[in-house]
Amino acid sequence: MKRVFMMLVAALFIISGCSSERPSGTVEYIKTTVKHYNLVIHFMNNVDTLAAEAVEDPEAKKRLEKQITDLKEEIERFNSLIPPEVNNASDIHENLVKYNQTVSKGIDAFKNQVEKGNFDTKVIHTDEINQAVLEIKKLRDQAQNLAKY
């Protein structure tokens, strides 16, 4: 499962590059938004297990650090996208960027702890970050509705 996640993140970077870009259309933007949400939620759902493994295993710590870095890069890449020019796509994207920034701050705080050997995930499971992830899900759902217009 971890390898699949890491391969998916790597594939996203190879395919998309790191510059600002406009997805080829509304459908592509929706797909990108869904993939983005899936990567964020996968990390959030698995961070406790990853951290627990990292306590005892230096290789697991390296994998955790890589996943943290990959997720940070994914958030930056997604935030740099230019949404399609349909209905409220730019508003949806603007809100996604805002909530991504909240998640990103939590990831930064967790990364700083991990670098010091502290694997306590409370810093990434705050009410503020959990709410941001819920809002990202709602916005993902709104983005999926863009295809109806």
N, C-alpha and C. Protein backbone atom coordinates (compact mmCIF):
# COMPACT_ATOMS: atom_id res chain seq x y z
N MET A 1 0.82 -1.19 0.00
CA MET A 1 0.00 0.00 0.00
C MET A 1 0.87 1.26 0.00
N LYS A 2 1.93 1.23 0.81
CA LYS A 2 2.81 2.39 0.89
C LYS A 2 3.52 2.61 -0.44
N ARG A 3 3.94 1.51 -1.06
CA ARG A 3 4.64 1.62 -2.33
C ARG A 3 3.70 2.17 -3.41
N VAL A 4 2.45 1.73 -3.38
CA VAL A 4 1.48 2.22 -4.35
C VAL A 4 1.30 3.73 -4.18
N PHE A 5 1.19 4.17 -2.95
CA PHE A 5 1.03 5.60 -2.66
C PHE A 5 2.23 6.37 -3.17
N MET A 6 3.44 5.88 -2.87
CA MET A 6 4.64 6.59 -3.29
C MET A 6 4.77 6.59 -4.81
N MET A 7 4.38 5.50 -5.46
CA MET A 7 4.44 5.44 -6.91
C MET A 7 3.42 6.39 -7.52
N LEU A 8 2.25 6.51 -6.91
CA LEU A 8 1.22 7.41 -7.40
C LEU A 8 1.69 8.85 -7.31
N VAL A 9 2.29 9.21 -6.20
CA VAL A 9 2.80 10.57 -6.02
C VAL A 9 3.90 10.84 -7.04
N ALA A 10 4.82 9.89 -7.20
CA ALA A 10 5.91 10.07 -8.17
C ALA A 10 5.35 10.22 -9.58
N ALA A 11 4.36 9.43 -9.93
CA ALA A 11 3.76 9.51 -11.26
C ALA A 11 3.11 10.87 -11.48
N LEU A 12 2.46 11.39 -10.47
CA LEU A 12 1.84 12.72 -10.59
C LEU A 12 2.88 13.77 -10.92
N PHE A 13 4.03 13.69 -10.29
CA PHE A 13 5.07 14.69 -10.53
C PHE A 13 5.69 14.53 -11.91
N ILE A 14 5.86 13.32 -12.35
CA ILE A 14 6.44 13.09 -13.67
C ILE A 14 5.48 13.60 -14.75
N ILE A 15 4.21 13.27 -14.58
CA ILE A 15 3.21 13.65 -15.58
C ILE A 15 2.96 15.15 -15.57
N SER A 16 2.87 15.74 -14.38
CA SER A 16 2.41 17.12 -14.29
C SER A 16 3.51 18.15 -14.24
N GLY A 17 4.71 17.79 -13.84
CA GLY A 17 5.75 18.80 -13.66
C GLY A 17 5.46 19.62 -12.43
N CYS A 18 6.22 20.66 -12.20
CA CYS A 18 6.06 21.44 -10.98
C CYS A 18 5.65 22.87 -11.24
N SER A 19 5.32 23.22 -12.47
CA SER A 19 4.99 24.60 -12.76
C SER A 19 3.48 24.79 -12.74
N SER A 20 3.08 26.06 -12.73
CA SER A 20 1.65 26.36 -12.81
C SER A 20 1.14 25.93 -14.16
N GLU A 21 -0.01 25.34 -14.16
CA GLU A 21 -0.56 24.89 -15.43
C GLU A 21 -2.06 24.82 -15.32
N ARG A 22 -2.69 24.86 -16.47
CA ARG A 22 -4.14 24.70 -16.53
C ARG A 22 -4.42 23.28 -17.00
N PRO A 23 -5.17 22.53 -16.22
CA PRO A 23 -5.55 21.21 -16.70
C PRO A 23 -6.26 21.37 -18.05
N SER A 24 -6.21 20.34 -18.88
CA SER A 24 -6.70 20.45 -20.25
C SER A 24 -8.19 20.76 -20.34
N GLY A 25 -8.92 20.66 -19.27
CA GLY A 25 -10.33 20.99 -19.30
C GLY A 25 -10.97 20.70 -17.96
N THR A 26 -12.26 20.91 -17.91
CA THR A 26 -12.99 20.73 -16.67
C THR A 26 -12.87 19.31 -16.14
N VAL A 27 -13.00 18.33 -17.02
CA VAL A 27 -12.92 16.93 -16.58
C VAL A 27 -11.54 16.64 -16.01
N GLU A 28 -10.51 17.13 -16.66
CA GLU A 28 -9.14 16.91 -16.16
C GLU A 28 -8.95 17.60 -14.81
N TYR A 29 -9.50 18.77 -14.65
CA TYR A 29 -9.40 19.48 -13.36
C TYR A 29 -10.10 18.67 -12.27
N ILE A 30 -11.26 18.13 -12.58
CA ILE A 30 -11.99 17.31 -11.61
C ILE A 30 -11.17 16.09 -11.22
N LYS A 31 -10.61 15.41 -12.21
CA LYS A 31 -9.77 14.25 -11.92
C LYS A 31 -8.58 14.63 -11.04
N THR A 32 -7.96 15.74 -11.34
CA THR A 32 -6.81 16.20 -10.56
C THR A 32 -7.22 16.53 -9.13
N THR A 33 -8.37 17.14 -8.98
CA THR A 33 -8.87 17.49 -7.65
C THR A 33 -9.19 16.23 -6.84
N VAL A 34 -9.80 15.25 -7.46
CA VAL A 34 -10.12 13.99 -6.78
C VAL A 34 -8.83 13.28 -6.38
N LYS A 35 -7.86 13.20 -7.28
CA LYS A 35 -6.58 12.57 -6.95
C LYS A 35 -5.90 13.29 -5.80
N HIS A 36 -5.96 14.61 -5.84
CA HIS A 36 -5.34 15.41 -4.77
C HIS A 36 -5.97 15.08 -3.43
N TYR A 37 -7.30 15.10 -3.38
CA TYR A 37 -7.99 14.78 -2.13
C TYR A 37 -7.62 13.38 -1.66
N ASN A 38 -7.59 12.43 -2.59
CA ASN A 38 -7.26 11.05 -2.21
C ASN A 38 -5.87 10.95 -1.60
N LEU A 39 -4.91 11.69 -2.13
CA LEU A 39 -3.56 11.67 -1.57
C LEU A 39 -3.53 12.28 -0.16
N VAL A 40 -4.24 13.38 0.01
CA VAL A 40 -4.29 14.02 1.33
C VAL A 40 -4.95 13.10 2.34
N ILE A 41 -6.09 12.54 2.00
CA ILE A 41 -6.82 11.70 2.95
C ILE A 41 -6.07 10.40 3.21
N HIS A 42 -5.39 9.86 2.22
CA HIS A 42 -4.60 8.65 2.43
C HIS A 42 -3.50 8.92 3.45
N PHE A 43 -2.82 10.03 3.30
CA PHE A 43 -1.77 10.38 4.26
C PHE A 43 -2.36 10.55 5.66
N MET A 44 -3.44 11.31 5.75
CA MET A 44 -4.04 11.58 7.07
C MET A 44 -4.53 10.29 7.73
N ASN A 45 -5.03 9.36 6.95
CA ASN A 45 -5.53 8.11 7.50
C ASN A 45 -4.41 7.15 7.90
N ASN A 46 -3.24 7.32 7.32
CA ASN A 46 -2.14 6.39 7.57
C ASN A 46 -0.99 6.96 8.38
N VAL A 47 -1.04 8.23 8.71
CA VAL A 47 0.09 8.86 9.38
C VAL A 47 0.37 8.25 10.76
N ASP A 48 -0.66 7.83 11.47
CA ASP A 48 -0.45 7.23 12.79
C ASP A 48 0.35 5.93 12.67
N THR A 49 -0.03 5.10 11.73
CA THR A 49 0.68 3.83 11.51
C THR A 49 2.10 4.09 11.06
N LEU A 50 2.27 5.01 10.12
CA LEU A 50 3.61 5.34 9.63
C LEU A 50 4.50 5.85 10.76
N ALA A 51 3.95 6.70 11.60
CA ALA A 51 4.71 7.26 12.71
C ALA A 51 5.08 6.18 13.72
N ALA A 52 4.15 5.28 14.01
CA ALA A 52 4.42 4.20 14.96
C ALA A 52 5.54 3.30 14.44
N GLU A 53 5.54 3.01 13.16
CA GLU A 53 6.60 2.20 12.58
C GLU A 53 7.94 2.93 12.62
N ALA A 54 7.90 4.23 12.42
CA ALA A 54 9.13 5.04 12.38
C ALA A 54 9.83 5.12 13.73
N VAL A 55 9.09 4.93 14.81
CA VAL A 55 9.69 4.96 16.15
C VAL A 55 10.79 3.92 16.28
N GLU A 56 10.54 2.74 15.74
CA GLU A 56 11.46 1.61 15.91
C GLU A 56 12.36 1.35 14.70
N ASP A 57 11.98 1.84 13.54
CA ASP A 57 12.66 1.46 12.31
C ASP A 57 13.17 2.70 11.56
N PRO A 58 14.49 2.86 11.46
CA PRO A 58 15.05 4.01 10.74
C PRO A 58 14.62 4.07 9.26
N GLU A 59 14.43 2.92 8.65
CA GLU A 59 13.96 2.91 7.25
C GLU A 59 12.52 3.41 7.18
N ALA A 60 11.72 3.05 8.16
CA ALA A 60 10.34 3.53 8.20
C ALA A 60 10.32 5.05 8.40
N LYS A 61 11.27 5.56 9.18
CA LYS A 61 11.37 7.00 9.37
C LYS A 61 11.69 7.69 8.04
N LYS A 62 12.59 7.10 7.27
CA LYS A 62 12.93 7.67 5.96
C LYS A 62 11.71 7.66 5.04
N ARG A 63 10.95 6.57 5.06
CA ARG A 63 9.74 6.49 4.24
C ARG A 63 8.72 7.55 4.67
N LEU A 64 8.58 7.72 5.98
CA LEU A 64 7.66 8.73 6.50
C LEU A 64 8.10 10.12 6.05
N GLU A 65 9.37 10.41 6.19
CA GLU A 65 9.88 11.72 5.77
C GLU A 65 9.66 11.94 4.28
N LYS A 66 9.83 10.90 3.48
CA LYS A 66 9.61 11.01 2.03
C LYS A 66 8.14 11.27 1.75
N GLN A 67 7.25 10.58 2.44
CA GLN A 67 5.83 10.81 2.21
C GLN A 67 5.41 12.22 2.62
N ILE A 68 6.01 12.70 3.69
CA ILE A 68 5.73 14.08 4.12
C ILE A 68 6.17 15.05 3.02
N THR A 69 7.39 14.86 2.53
CA THR A 69 7.92 15.73 1.48
C THR A 69 7.07 15.63 0.21
N ASP A 70 6.72 14.40 -0.17
CA ASP A 70 5.90 14.21 -1.37
C ASP A 70 4.54 14.89 -1.24
N LEU A 71 3.93 14.78 -0.07
CA LEU A 71 2.62 15.42 0.11
C LEU A 71 2.75 16.94 0.08
N LYS A 72 3.79 17.47 0.67
CA LYS A 72 4.01 18.92 0.62
C LYS A 72 4.15 19.38 -0.83
N GLU A 73 4.91 18.63 -1.61
CA GLU A 73 5.10 18.98 -3.02
C GLU A 73 3.79 18.85 -3.79
N GLU A 74 3.00 17.85 -3.48
CA GLU A 74 1.69 17.67 -4.13
C GLU A 74 0.79 18.86 -3.82
N ILE A 75 0.78 19.30 -2.57
CA ILE A 75 -0.05 20.45 -2.20
C ILE A 75 0.40 21.69 -2.96
N GLU A 76 1.71 21.91 -3.03
CA GLU A 76 2.22 23.07 -3.77
C GLU A 76 1.87 22.98 -5.25
N ARG A 77 2.00 21.80 -5.83
CA ARG A 77 1.68 21.60 -7.23
C ARG A 77 0.19 21.87 -7.48
N PHE A 78 -0.65 21.30 -6.63
CA PHE A 78 -2.09 21.50 -6.80
C PHE A 78 -2.45 22.98 -6.65
N ASN A 79 -1.89 23.62 -5.65
CA ASN A 79 -2.20 25.03 -5.41
C ASN A 79 -1.82 25.91 -6.61
N SER A 80 -0.81 25.48 -7.37
CA SER A 80 -0.35 26.29 -8.51
C SER A 80 -1.19 26.08 -9.77
N LEU A 81 -2.11 25.11 -9.75
CA LEU A 81 -2.95 24.88 -10.93
C LEU A 81 -3.82 26.11 -11.20
N ILE A 82 -4.15 26.26 -12.46
CA ILE A 82 -5.10 27.29 -12.87
C ILE A 82 -6.41 26.57 -13.19
N PRO A 83 -7.46 26.87 -12.45
CA PRO A 83 -8.72 26.14 -12.66
C PRO A 83 -9.35 26.49 -14.00
N PRO A 84 -10.26 25.65 -14.47
CA PRO A 84 -10.96 25.94 -15.74
C PRO A 84 -11.85 27.17 -15.57
N GLU A 85 -12.17 27.77 -16.67
CA GLU A 85 -12.99 28.98 -16.65
C GLU A 85 -14.46 28.60 -16.79
N VAL A 86 -14.97 27.89 -15.80
CA VAL A 86 -16.38 27.52 -15.78
C VAL A 86 -16.95 27.86 -14.41
N ASN A 87 -18.18 28.32 -14.43
CA ASN A 87 -18.94 28.62 -13.21
C ASN A 87 -18.06 29.10 -12.07
N ASN A 88 -18.09 28.41 -10.96
CA ASN A 88 -17.37 28.85 -9.76
C ASN A 88 -16.08 28.06 -9.54
N ALA A 89 -15.47 27.56 -10.60
CA ALA A 89 -14.25 26.77 -10.47
C ALA A 89 -13.13 27.55 -9.78
N SER A 90 -13.00 28.83 -10.12
CA SER A 90 -11.93 29.62 -9.49
C SER A 90 -12.20 29.82 -8.00
N ASP A 91 -13.47 29.97 -7.61
CA ASP A 91 -13.80 30.08 -6.19
C ASP A 91 -13.50 28.77 -5.45
N ILE A 92 -13.87 27.66 -6.07
CA ILE A 92 -13.58 26.35 -5.47
C ILE A 92 -12.08 26.20 -5.28
N HIS A 93 -11.33 26.52 -6.33
CA HIS A 93 -9.87 26.35 -6.25
C HIS A 93 -9.27 27.28 -5.19
N GLU A 94 -9.74 28.49 -5.14
CA GLU A 94 -9.24 29.45 -4.14
C GLU A 94 -9.46 28.91 -2.72
N ASN A 95 -10.62 28.34 -2.48
CA ASN A 95 -10.90 27.75 -1.17
C ASN A 95 -10.06 26.51 -0.91
N LEU A 96 -9.87 25.69 -1.95
CA LEU A 96 -8.99 24.53 -1.81
C LEU A 96 -7.59 24.96 -1.41
N VAL A 97 -7.09 26.00 -2.03
CA VAL A 97 -5.75 26.51 -1.70
C VAL A 97 -5.70 26.94 -0.24
N LYS A 98 -6.74 27.62 0.21
CA LYS A 98 -6.79 28.08 1.60
C LYS A 98 -6.72 26.89 2.57
N TYR A 99 -7.54 25.88 2.33
CA TYR A 99 -7.54 24.72 3.23
C TYR A 99 -6.26 23.88 3.07
N ASN A 100 -5.72 23.84 1.87
CA ASN A 100 -4.44 23.16 1.67
C ASN A 100 -3.34 23.82 2.51
N GLN A 101 -3.39 25.12 2.61
CA GLN A 101 -2.39 25.84 3.40
C GLN A 101 -2.49 25.47 4.87
N THR A 102 -3.69 25.28 5.36
CA THR A 102 -3.87 24.84 6.74
C THR A 102 -3.27 23.45 6.94
N VAL A 103 -3.57 22.54 6.02
CA VAL A 103 -3.01 21.18 6.09
C VAL A 103 -1.49 21.25 5.99
N SER A 104 -1.00 22.08 5.10
CA SER A 104 0.44 22.21 4.89
C SER A 104 1.16 22.69 6.15
N LYS A 105 0.56 23.61 6.87
CA LYS A 105 1.15 24.08 8.12
C LYS A 105 1.25 22.95 9.14
N GLY A 106 0.21 22.12 9.19
CA GLY A 106 0.25 20.96 10.08
C GLY A 106 1.32 19.98 9.68
N ILE A 107 1.47 19.77 8.38
CA ILE A 107 2.50 18.87 7.88
C ILE A 107 3.88 19.42 8.23
N ASP A 108 4.05 20.73 8.10
CA ASP A 108 5.33 21.35 8.47
C ASP A 108 5.64 21.12 9.95
N ALA A 109 4.65 21.33 10.80
CA ALA A 109 4.84 21.14 12.23
C ALA A 109 5.20 19.68 12.54
N PHE A 110 4.50 18.76 11.88
CA PHE A 110 4.77 17.34 12.08
C PHE A 110 6.16 16.99 11.57
N LYS A 111 6.52 17.52 10.41
CA LYS A 111 7.85 17.27 9.84
C LYS A 111 8.94 17.74 10.80
N ASN A 112 8.77 18.90 11.39
CA ASN A 112 9.75 19.41 12.35
C ASN A 112 9.89 18.48 13.54
N GLN A 113 8.77 17.95 14.02
CA GLN A 113 8.81 17.00 15.13
C GLN A 113 9.54 15.72 14.73
N VAL A 114 9.21 15.19 13.57
CA VAL A 114 9.81 13.95 13.09
C VAL A 114 11.32 14.10 12.98
N GLU A 115 11.76 15.24 12.46
CA GLU A 115 13.19 15.49 12.33
C GLU A 115 13.90 15.47 13.68
N LYS A 116 13.17 15.78 14.74
CA LYS A 116 13.73 15.77 16.10
C LYS A 116 13.51 14.43 16.80
N GLY A 117 12.92 13.47 16.08
CA GLY A 117 12.69 12.15 16.67
C GLY A 117 11.39 12.02 17.43
N ASN A 118 10.50 13.00 17.32
CA ASN A 118 9.21 12.96 17.99
C ASN A 118 8.15 12.58 16.95
N PHE A 119 7.50 11.45 17.16
CA PHE A 119 6.55 10.94 16.18
C PHE A 119 5.10 11.08 16.64
N ASP A 120 4.85 11.99 17.57
CA ASP A 120 3.50 12.23 18.05
C ASP A 120 2.68 12.91 16.96
N THR A 121 1.59 12.29 16.56
CA THR A 121 0.78 12.80 15.45
C THR A 121 -0.31 13.79 15.89
N LYS A 122 -0.34 14.12 17.16
CA LYS A 122 -1.38 15.06 17.62
C LYS A 122 -1.31 16.39 16.87
N VAL A 123 -0.11 16.80 16.50
CA VAL A 123 0.07 18.08 15.82
C VAL A 123 -0.58 18.10 14.44
N ILE A 124 -0.79 16.93 13.86
CA ILE A 124 -1.42 16.87 12.54
C ILE A 124 -2.89 16.46 12.63
N HIS A 125 -3.33 16.09 13.80
CA HIS A 125 -4.73 15.71 13.99
C HIS A 125 -5.47 16.73 14.85
N THR A 126 -5.19 17.99 14.61
CA THR A 126 -5.88 19.04 15.35
C THR A 126 -7.28 19.25 14.77
N ASP A 127 -8.13 19.89 15.53
CA ASP A 127 -9.47 20.19 15.03
C ASP A 127 -9.40 21.05 13.76
N GLU A 128 -8.46 22.00 13.74
CA GLU A 128 -8.33 22.90 12.59
C GLU A 128 -7.95 22.12 11.32
N ILE A 129 -7.02 21.21 11.45
CA ILE A 129 -6.59 20.43 10.27
C ILE A 129 -7.67 19.44 9.88
N ASN A 130 -8.28 18.78 10.85
CA ASN A 130 -9.37 17.85 10.52
C ASN A 130 -10.52 18.57 9.82
N GLN A 131 -10.83 19.78 10.27
CA GLN A 131 -11.88 20.57 9.62
C GLN A 131 -11.46 20.96 8.21
N ALA A 132 -10.19 21.31 8.02
CA ALA A 132 -9.69 21.66 6.69
C ALA A 132 -9.83 20.47 5.74
N VAL A 133 -9.52 19.27 6.21
CA VAL A 133 -9.65 18.08 5.37
C VAL A 133 -11.13 17.84 5.01
N LEU A 134 -12.02 18.05 5.96
CA LEU A 134 -13.46 17.92 5.66
C LEU A 134 -13.90 18.94 4.61
N GLU A 135 -13.38 20.16 4.72
CA GLU A 135 -13.72 21.20 3.75
C GLU A 135 -13.15 20.87 2.38
N ILE A 136 -11.96 20.29 2.35
CA ILE A 136 -11.37 19.86 1.07
C ILE A 136 -12.28 18.82 0.43
N LYS A 137 -12.80 17.91 1.25
CA LYS A 137 -13.72 16.89 0.71
C LYS A 137 -14.97 17.55 0.12
N LYS A 138 -15.54 18.51 0.83
CA LYS A 138 -16.73 19.20 0.32
C LYS A 138 -16.42 19.92 -0.99
N LEU A 139 -15.25 20.54 -1.05
CA LEU A 139 -14.87 21.26 -2.26
C LEU A 139 -14.58 20.29 -3.41
N ARG A 140 -14.03 19.13 -3.08
CA ARG A 140 -13.85 18.09 -4.09
C ARG A 140 -15.20 17.72 -4.69
N ASP A 141 -16.20 17.55 -3.82
CA ASP A 141 -17.54 17.21 -4.28
C ASP A 141 -18.11 18.33 -5.17
N GLN A 142 -17.88 19.58 -4.79
CA GLN A 142 -18.33 20.70 -5.61
C GLN A 142 -17.62 20.70 -6.96
N ALA A 143 -16.32 20.40 -6.94
CA ALA A 143 -15.56 20.34 -8.20
C ALA A 143 -16.12 19.25 -9.11
N GLN A 144 -16.51 18.13 -8.53
CA GLN A 144 -17.08 17.05 -9.34
C GLN A 144 -18.37 17.49 -10.02
N ASN A 145 -19.09 18.40 -9.40
CA ASN A 145 -20.33 18.91 -9.98
C ASN A 145 -20.08 19.87 -11.14
N LEU A 146 -18.86 20.34 -11.31
CA LEU A 146 -18.56 21.25 -12.43
C LEU A 146 -18.82 20.59 -13.77
N ALA A 147 -18.68 19.29 -13.83
CA ALA A 147 -18.89 18.56 -15.09
C ALA A 147 -20.34 18.62 -15.54
N LYS A 148 -21.23 18.97 -14.64
CA LYS A 148 -22.66 19.02 -14.98
C LYS A 148 -23.02 20.29 -15.72
N TYR A 149 -22.10 21.26 -15.75
CA TYR A 149 -22.41 22.55 -16.37
C TYR A 149 -21.86 22.67 -17.76
